[in-house]
Amino acid sequence: MLNGDNRKANRVRFDHKHPVNLMGVDGTWRRSCVLLDVSETGAKIEVEGSVDVLQAKEFFLLLSSTGLAFRRCELVWIDGCNAGIRFVQIKPGQKKADSSPNEAERPEKKAAASERKR
């Protein structure tokens, strides 16, 4: 498990709470959370509710209420309700389109489809 002493990138801590959401890549789950700090490579979040869904290989960090600003992430560590996440980076030779959702897979589209199912 990594802690704050093993960070590779400088972090920005916030004086005020920044509410964000996590959402499964397939759009089947969503969790409210608070962004505690962020860097170029990842972030520390405080998750509201169960953290079990974070065991998914990848998920989205939705930075805006509309879902238009987001980062694809993977879990690094969990400590109670706090979690460290790494932003998934594009690998050399990989097309940008391969690492970001297409129109049908965009987080806001999945969230809207999920809401319609309810």
N, C-alpha and C. Protein backbone atom coordinates (compact mmCIF):
# COMPACT_ATOMS: atom_id res chain seq x y z
N MET A 1 0.85 -1.18 0.00
CA MET A 1 0.00 0.00 0.00
C MET A 1 0.89 1.24 0.00
N LEU A 2 0.55 2.18 -0.83
CA LEU A 2 1.30 3.43 -0.90
C LEU A 2 0.73 4.44 0.07
N ASN A 3 1.58 5.28 0.57
CA ASN A 3 1.09 6.39 1.40
C ASN A 3 1.64 7.69 0.85
N GLY A 4 1.37 8.77 1.52
CA GLY A 4 1.77 10.09 1.04
C GLY A 4 3.27 10.26 0.83
N ASP A 5 4.10 9.46 1.52
CA ASP A 5 5.53 9.60 1.40
C ASP A 5 6.07 9.01 0.10
N ASN A 6 5.28 8.20 -0.59
CA ASN A 6 5.74 7.55 -1.81
C ASN A 6 5.27 8.26 -3.07
N ARG A 7 4.74 9.43 -2.95
CA ARG A 7 4.19 10.14 -4.11
C ARG A 7 5.29 10.55 -5.07
N LYS A 8 4.97 10.39 -6.37
CA LYS A 8 5.93 10.75 -7.42
C LYS A 8 5.68 12.15 -7.95
N ALA A 9 4.48 12.68 -7.76
CA ALA A 9 4.13 14.00 -8.30
C ALA A 9 3.67 14.91 -7.16
N ASN A 10 3.91 16.20 -7.30
CA ASN A 10 3.47 17.16 -6.29
C ASN A 10 1.95 17.22 -6.26
N ARG A 11 1.41 17.33 -5.06
CA ARG A 11 -0.04 17.37 -4.88
C ARG A 11 -0.51 18.77 -4.56
N VAL A 12 -1.75 19.04 -4.95
CA VAL A 12 -2.42 20.29 -4.58
C VAL A 12 -3.52 19.91 -3.60
N ARG A 13 -3.48 20.46 -2.40
CA ARG A 13 -4.53 20.22 -1.39
C ARG A 13 -5.52 21.37 -1.45
N PHE A 14 -6.77 21.06 -1.14
CA PHE A 14 -7.82 22.06 -1.21
C PHE A 14 -8.22 22.52 0.18
N ASP A 15 -8.51 23.82 0.31
CA ASP A 15 -8.99 24.37 1.57
C ASP A 15 -10.48 24.09 1.77
N HIS A 16 -11.20 23.92 0.68
CA HIS A 16 -12.65 23.67 0.74
C HIS A 16 -12.95 22.33 0.10
N LYS A 17 -14.06 21.72 0.50
CA LYS A 17 -14.46 20.43 -0.06
C LYS A 17 -14.85 20.59 -1.53
N HIS A 18 -14.38 19.68 -2.35
CA HIS A 18 -14.72 19.66 -3.77
C HIS A 18 -15.47 18.36 -4.06
N PRO A 19 -16.81 18.43 -4.12
CA PRO A 19 -17.58 17.21 -4.38
C PRO A 19 -17.38 16.73 -5.82
N VAL A 20 -17.13 15.44 -5.96
CA VAL A 20 -16.98 14.79 -7.26
C VAL A 20 -17.70 13.44 -7.18
N ASN A 21 -17.74 12.73 -8.27
CA ASN A 21 -18.35 11.40 -8.29
C ASN A 21 -17.43 10.40 -8.95
N LEU A 22 -17.57 9.16 -8.54
CA LEU A 22 -16.92 8.05 -9.22
C LEU A 22 -18.01 7.29 -9.94
N MET A 23 -17.68 6.74 -11.10
CA MET A 23 -18.66 5.94 -11.83
C MET A 23 -17.96 4.79 -12.52
N GLY A 24 -18.59 3.61 -12.49
CA GLY A 24 -18.04 2.45 -13.17
C GLY A 24 -17.93 2.71 -14.65
N VAL A 25 -16.94 2.10 -15.28
CA VAL A 25 -16.74 2.27 -16.72
C VAL A 25 -17.98 1.82 -17.48
N ASP A 26 -18.69 0.81 -16.94
CA ASP A 26 -19.90 0.33 -17.61
C ASP A 26 -21.15 1.12 -17.21
N GLY A 27 -21.00 2.10 -16.31
CA GLY A 27 -22.11 2.96 -15.91
C GLY A 27 -23.08 2.33 -14.93
N THR A 28 -22.76 1.17 -14.37
CA THR A 28 -23.70 0.47 -13.47
C THR A 28 -23.65 0.95 -12.03
N TRP A 29 -22.64 1.69 -11.65
CA TRP A 29 -22.58 2.19 -10.27
C TRP A 29 -21.99 3.60 -10.27
N ARG A 30 -22.31 4.30 -9.17
CA ARG A 30 -21.85 5.68 -8.97
C ARG A 30 -21.70 5.92 -7.47
N ARG A 31 -20.66 6.64 -7.06
CA ARG A 31 -20.44 6.98 -5.66
C ARG A 31 -20.08 8.45 -5.56
N SER A 32 -20.69 9.12 -4.59
CA SER A 32 -20.31 10.50 -4.26
C SER A 32 -19.02 10.45 -3.47
N CYS A 33 -18.18 11.44 -3.68
CA CYS A 33 -16.96 11.53 -2.89
C CYS A 33 -16.46 12.97 -2.88
N VAL A 34 -15.43 13.19 -2.09
CA VAL A 34 -14.82 14.51 -1.97
C VAL A 34 -13.38 14.40 -2.42
N LEU A 35 -12.97 15.30 -3.28
CA LEU A 35 -11.59 15.36 -3.76
C LEU A 35 -10.75 16.05 -2.69
N LEU A 36 -9.81 15.33 -2.10
CA LEU A 36 -8.99 15.88 -1.02
C LEU A 36 -7.71 16.54 -1.54
N ASP A 37 -7.06 15.88 -2.49
CA ASP A 37 -5.91 16.48 -3.16
C ASP A 37 -5.76 15.84 -4.53
N VAL A 38 -4.97 16.49 -5.38
CA VAL A 38 -4.83 16.03 -6.76
C VAL A 38 -3.44 16.38 -7.28
N SER A 39 -2.95 15.56 -8.20
CA SER A 39 -1.69 15.83 -8.88
C SER A 39 -1.88 15.51 -10.35
N GLU A 40 -0.83 15.62 -11.10
CA GLU A 40 -0.88 15.30 -12.52
C GLU A 40 -1.16 13.81 -12.74
N THR A 41 -0.74 12.97 -11.79
CA THR A 41 -0.84 11.52 -11.97
C THR A 41 -1.96 10.84 -11.19
N GLY A 42 -2.56 11.52 -10.21
CA GLY A 42 -3.59 10.87 -9.42
C GLY A 42 -4.23 11.80 -8.40
N ALA A 43 -5.00 11.19 -7.49
CA ALA A 43 -5.72 11.99 -6.50
C ALA A 43 -5.99 11.16 -5.26
N LYS A 44 -6.33 11.88 -4.19
CA LYS A 44 -6.79 11.26 -2.95
C LYS A 44 -8.23 11.70 -2.77
N ILE A 45 -9.11 10.74 -2.51
CA ILE A 45 -10.53 11.02 -2.37
C ILE A 45 -11.07 10.43 -1.09
N GLU A 46 -12.17 11.01 -0.61
CA GLU A 46 -12.91 10.47 0.52
C GLU A 46 -14.25 9.99 -0.05
N VAL A 47 -14.49 8.69 0.06
CA VAL A 47 -15.67 8.08 -0.56
C VAL A 47 -16.82 8.02 0.42
N GLU A 48 -18.02 8.39 -0.06
CA GLU A 48 -19.23 8.27 0.75
C GLU A 48 -19.87 6.93 0.43
N GLY A 49 -20.17 6.14 1.44
CA GLY A 49 -20.77 4.83 1.21
C GLY A 49 -19.71 3.77 1.02
N SER A 50 -20.14 2.64 0.47
CA SER A 50 -19.27 1.47 0.31
C SER A 50 -18.14 1.74 -0.67
N VAL A 51 -16.95 1.27 -0.30
CA VAL A 51 -15.79 1.39 -1.20
C VAL A 51 -15.58 0.09 -1.97
N ASP A 52 -16.44 -0.90 -1.78
CA ASP A 52 -16.29 -2.19 -2.45
C ASP A 52 -16.22 -2.07 -3.96
N VAL A 53 -16.99 -1.14 -4.54
CA VAL A 53 -17.02 -1.00 -6.00
C VAL A 53 -15.68 -0.52 -6.56
N LEU A 54 -14.83 0.03 -5.72
CA LEU A 54 -13.53 0.52 -6.19
C LEU A 54 -12.58 -0.62 -6.55
N GLN A 55 -12.95 -1.85 -6.25
CA GLN A 55 -12.12 -2.98 -6.62
C GLN A 55 -12.17 -3.23 -8.13
N ALA A 56 -13.08 -2.52 -8.84
CA ALA A 56 -13.13 -2.62 -10.29
C ALA A 56 -11.77 -2.21 -10.86
N LYS A 57 -11.38 -2.80 -11.95
CA LYS A 57 -10.08 -2.48 -12.55
C LYS A 57 -9.96 -1.00 -12.87
N GLU A 58 -10.97 -0.44 -13.50
CA GLU A 58 -10.96 0.97 -13.84
C GLU A 58 -12.33 1.59 -13.62
N PHE A 59 -12.33 2.89 -13.42
CA PHE A 59 -13.57 3.64 -13.23
C PHE A 59 -13.31 5.09 -13.62
N PHE A 60 -14.36 5.89 -13.64
CA PHE A 60 -14.23 7.30 -13.99
C PHE A 60 -14.33 8.17 -12.75
N LEU A 61 -13.52 9.22 -12.68
CA LEU A 61 -13.65 10.29 -11.70
C LEU A 61 -14.34 11.42 -12.46
N LEU A 62 -15.59 11.71 -12.08
CA LEU A 62 -16.37 12.76 -12.74
C LEU A 62 -16.14 14.06 -11.99
N LEU A 63 -15.53 15.01 -12.65
CA LEU A 63 -15.13 16.27 -12.02
C LEU A 63 -16.18 17.36 -12.14
N SER A 64 -17.19 17.13 -12.98
CA SER A 64 -18.26 18.12 -13.14
C SER A 64 -19.61 17.42 -12.97
N SER A 65 -20.63 18.18 -12.65
CA SER A 65 -21.95 17.60 -12.44
C SER A 65 -22.55 17.04 -13.73
N THR A 66 -22.10 17.54 -14.87
CA THR A 66 -22.61 17.05 -16.15
C THR A 66 -21.84 15.84 -16.66
N GLY A 67 -20.69 15.56 -16.07
CA GLY A 67 -19.86 14.45 -16.51
C GLY A 67 -18.98 14.78 -17.70
N LEU A 68 -18.95 16.04 -18.11
CA LEU A 68 -18.14 16.42 -19.26
C LEU A 68 -16.65 16.51 -18.93
N ALA A 69 -16.33 16.76 -17.68
CA ALA A 69 -14.93 16.77 -17.24
C ALA A 69 -14.71 15.52 -16.41
N PHE A 70 -13.84 14.62 -16.89
CA PHE A 70 -13.63 13.36 -16.20
C PHE A 70 -12.23 12.85 -16.47
N ARG A 71 -11.79 11.90 -15.63
CA ARG A 71 -10.53 11.20 -15.82
C ARG A 71 -10.80 9.72 -15.60
N ARG A 72 -10.20 8.89 -16.43
CA ARG A 72 -10.27 7.44 -16.24
C ARG A 72 -9.22 7.08 -15.19
N CYS A 73 -9.60 6.24 -14.20
CA CYS A 73 -8.74 5.99 -13.05
C CYS A 73 -8.64 4.50 -12.73
N GLU A 74 -7.65 4.21 -11.88
CA GLU A 74 -7.55 2.88 -11.28
C GLU A 74 -7.19 3.06 -9.81
N LEU A 75 -7.61 2.11 -8.98
CA LEU A 75 -7.38 2.16 -7.55
C LEU A 75 -5.93 1.84 -7.23
N VAL A 76 -5.33 2.61 -6.31
CA VAL A 76 -3.97 2.36 -5.83
C VAL A 76 -4.02 1.83 -4.41
N TRP A 77 -4.80 2.49 -3.54
CA TRP A 77 -4.90 2.06 -2.15
C TRP A 77 -6.23 2.50 -1.55
N ILE A 78 -6.63 1.81 -0.47
CA ILE A 78 -7.82 2.18 0.31
C ILE A 78 -7.42 2.15 1.78
N ASP A 79 -7.85 3.17 2.52
CA ASP A 79 -7.65 3.23 3.97
C ASP A 79 -8.94 3.78 4.57
N GLY A 80 -9.82 2.89 5.01
CA GLY A 80 -11.12 3.31 5.53
C GLY A 80 -11.96 3.87 4.40
N CYS A 81 -12.39 5.13 4.55
CA CYS A 81 -13.20 5.77 3.50
C CYS A 81 -12.33 6.60 2.55
N ASN A 82 -11.03 6.64 2.78
CA ASN A 82 -10.12 7.36 1.88
C ASN A 82 -9.50 6.40 0.88
N ALA A 83 -9.25 6.91 -0.32
CA ALA A 83 -8.65 6.08 -1.37
C ALA A 83 -7.70 6.91 -2.20
N GLY A 84 -6.67 6.25 -2.69
CA GLY A 84 -5.74 6.86 -3.63
C GLY A 84 -6.01 6.29 -5.00
N ILE A 85 -6.11 7.15 -5.99
CA ILE A 85 -6.38 6.70 -7.35
C ILE A 85 -5.32 7.23 -8.30
N ARG A 86 -5.04 6.47 -9.32
CA ARG A 86 -4.08 6.86 -10.35
C ARG A 86 -4.85 7.13 -11.63
N PHE A 87 -4.49 8.21 -12.31
CA PHE A 87 -5.10 8.50 -13.59
C PHE A 87 -4.48 7.59 -14.64
N VAL A 88 -5.31 6.93 -15.42
CA VAL A 88 -4.83 6.02 -16.46
C VAL A 88 -4.21 6.86 -17.57
N GLN A 89 -2.98 6.54 -17.90
CA GLN A 89 -2.24 7.29 -18.91
C GLN A 89 -2.29 6.56 -20.24
N ILE A 90 -2.21 7.30 -21.33
CA ILE A 90 -2.15 6.71 -22.67
C ILE A 90 -0.75 6.13 -22.85
N LYS A 91 -0.69 4.89 -23.29
CA LYS A 91 0.59 4.22 -23.51
C LYS A 91 1.16 4.64 -24.86
N PRO A 92 2.50 4.68 -24.98
CA PRO A 92 3.11 5.04 -26.26
C PRO A 92 2.59 4.11 -27.37
N GLY A 93 2.23 4.70 -28.50
CA GLY A 93 1.72 3.92 -29.61
C GLY A 93 0.23 3.66 -29.56
N GLN A 94 -0.41 3.97 -28.42
CA GLN A 94 -1.85 3.77 -28.28
C GLN A 94 -2.57 5.02 -28.75
N LYS A 95 -3.61 4.84 -29.53
CA LYS A 95 -4.38 5.99 -30.00
C LYS A 95 -5.16 6.59 -28.84
N LYS A 96 -5.30 7.89 -28.84
CA LYS A 96 -6.03 8.58 -27.78
C LYS A 96 -7.47 8.07 -27.68
N ALA A 97 -8.10 7.78 -28.80
CA ALA A 97 -9.49 7.32 -28.81
C ALA A 97 -9.64 5.99 -28.09
N ASP A 98 -8.56 5.17 -28.04
CA ASP A 98 -8.64 3.88 -27.38
C ASP A 98 -8.73 4.00 -25.87
N SER A 99 -8.29 5.11 -25.31
CA SER A 99 -8.26 5.24 -23.86
C SER A 99 -9.37 6.13 -23.32
N SER A 100 -10.15 6.73 -24.20
CA SER A 100 -11.25 7.57 -23.74
C SER A 100 -12.55 7.01 -24.28
N PRO A 101 -13.64 7.23 -23.57
CA PRO A 101 -14.91 6.65 -24.01
C PRO A 101 -15.39 7.28 -25.31
N ASN A 102 -15.99 6.43 -26.17
CA ASN A 102 -16.60 6.98 -27.37
C ASN A 102 -17.92 7.63 -26.97
N GLU A 103 -18.63 8.19 -27.90
CA GLU A 103 -19.86 8.95 -27.59
C GLU A 103 -20.82 8.13 -26.74
N ALA A 104 -21.03 6.85 -27.08
CA ALA A 104 -21.98 6.02 -26.34
C ALA A 104 -21.46 5.64 -24.97
N GLU A 105 -20.12 5.66 -24.77
CA GLU A 105 -19.54 5.26 -23.51
C GLU A 105 -19.23 6.42 -22.58
N ARG A 106 -19.45 7.65 -23.02
CA ARG A 106 -19.12 8.81 -22.18
C ARG A 106 -19.84 8.70 -20.85
N PRO A 107 -19.19 9.07 -19.75
CA PRO A 107 -19.80 8.93 -18.42
C PRO A 107 -21.17 9.57 -18.30
N GLU A 108 -21.37 10.76 -18.90
CA GLU A 108 -22.67 11.41 -18.74
C GLU A 108 -23.75 10.64 -19.49
N LYS A 109 -23.41 9.99 -20.60
CA LYS A 109 -24.38 9.19 -21.35
C LYS A 109 -24.76 7.95 -20.55
N LYS A 110 -23.77 7.30 -19.93
CA LYS A 110 -24.03 6.11 -19.13
C LYS A 110 -24.88 6.45 -17.92
N ALA A 111 -24.56 7.59 -17.28
CA ALA A 111 -25.33 8.00 -16.11
C ALA A 111 -26.78 8.26 -16.49
N ALA A 112 -27.00 8.92 -17.61
CA ALA A 112 -28.36 9.21 -18.06
C ALA A 112 -29.09 7.91 -18.39
N ALA A 113 -28.41 6.97 -19.04
CA ALA A 113 -29.04 5.69 -19.36
C ALA A 113 -29.36 4.92 -18.09
N SER A 114 -28.47 4.99 -17.10
CA SER A 114 -28.70 4.32 -15.83
C SER A 114 -29.91 4.91 -15.11
N GLU A 115 -30.04 6.24 -15.15
CA GLU A 115 -31.18 6.90 -14.50
C GLU A 115 -32.49 6.52 -15.18
N ARG A 116 -32.48 6.37 -16.53
CA ARG A 116 -33.69 6.02 -17.25
C ARG A 116 -34.15 4.61 -16.90
N LYS A 117 -33.23 3.71 -16.55
CA LYS A 117 -33.57 2.33 -16.20
C LYS A 117 -34.31 2.25 -14.87
N ARG A 118 -34.16 3.25 -14.03
CA ARG A 118 -34.75 3.21 -12.68
C ARG A 118 -36.19 3.50 -12.71
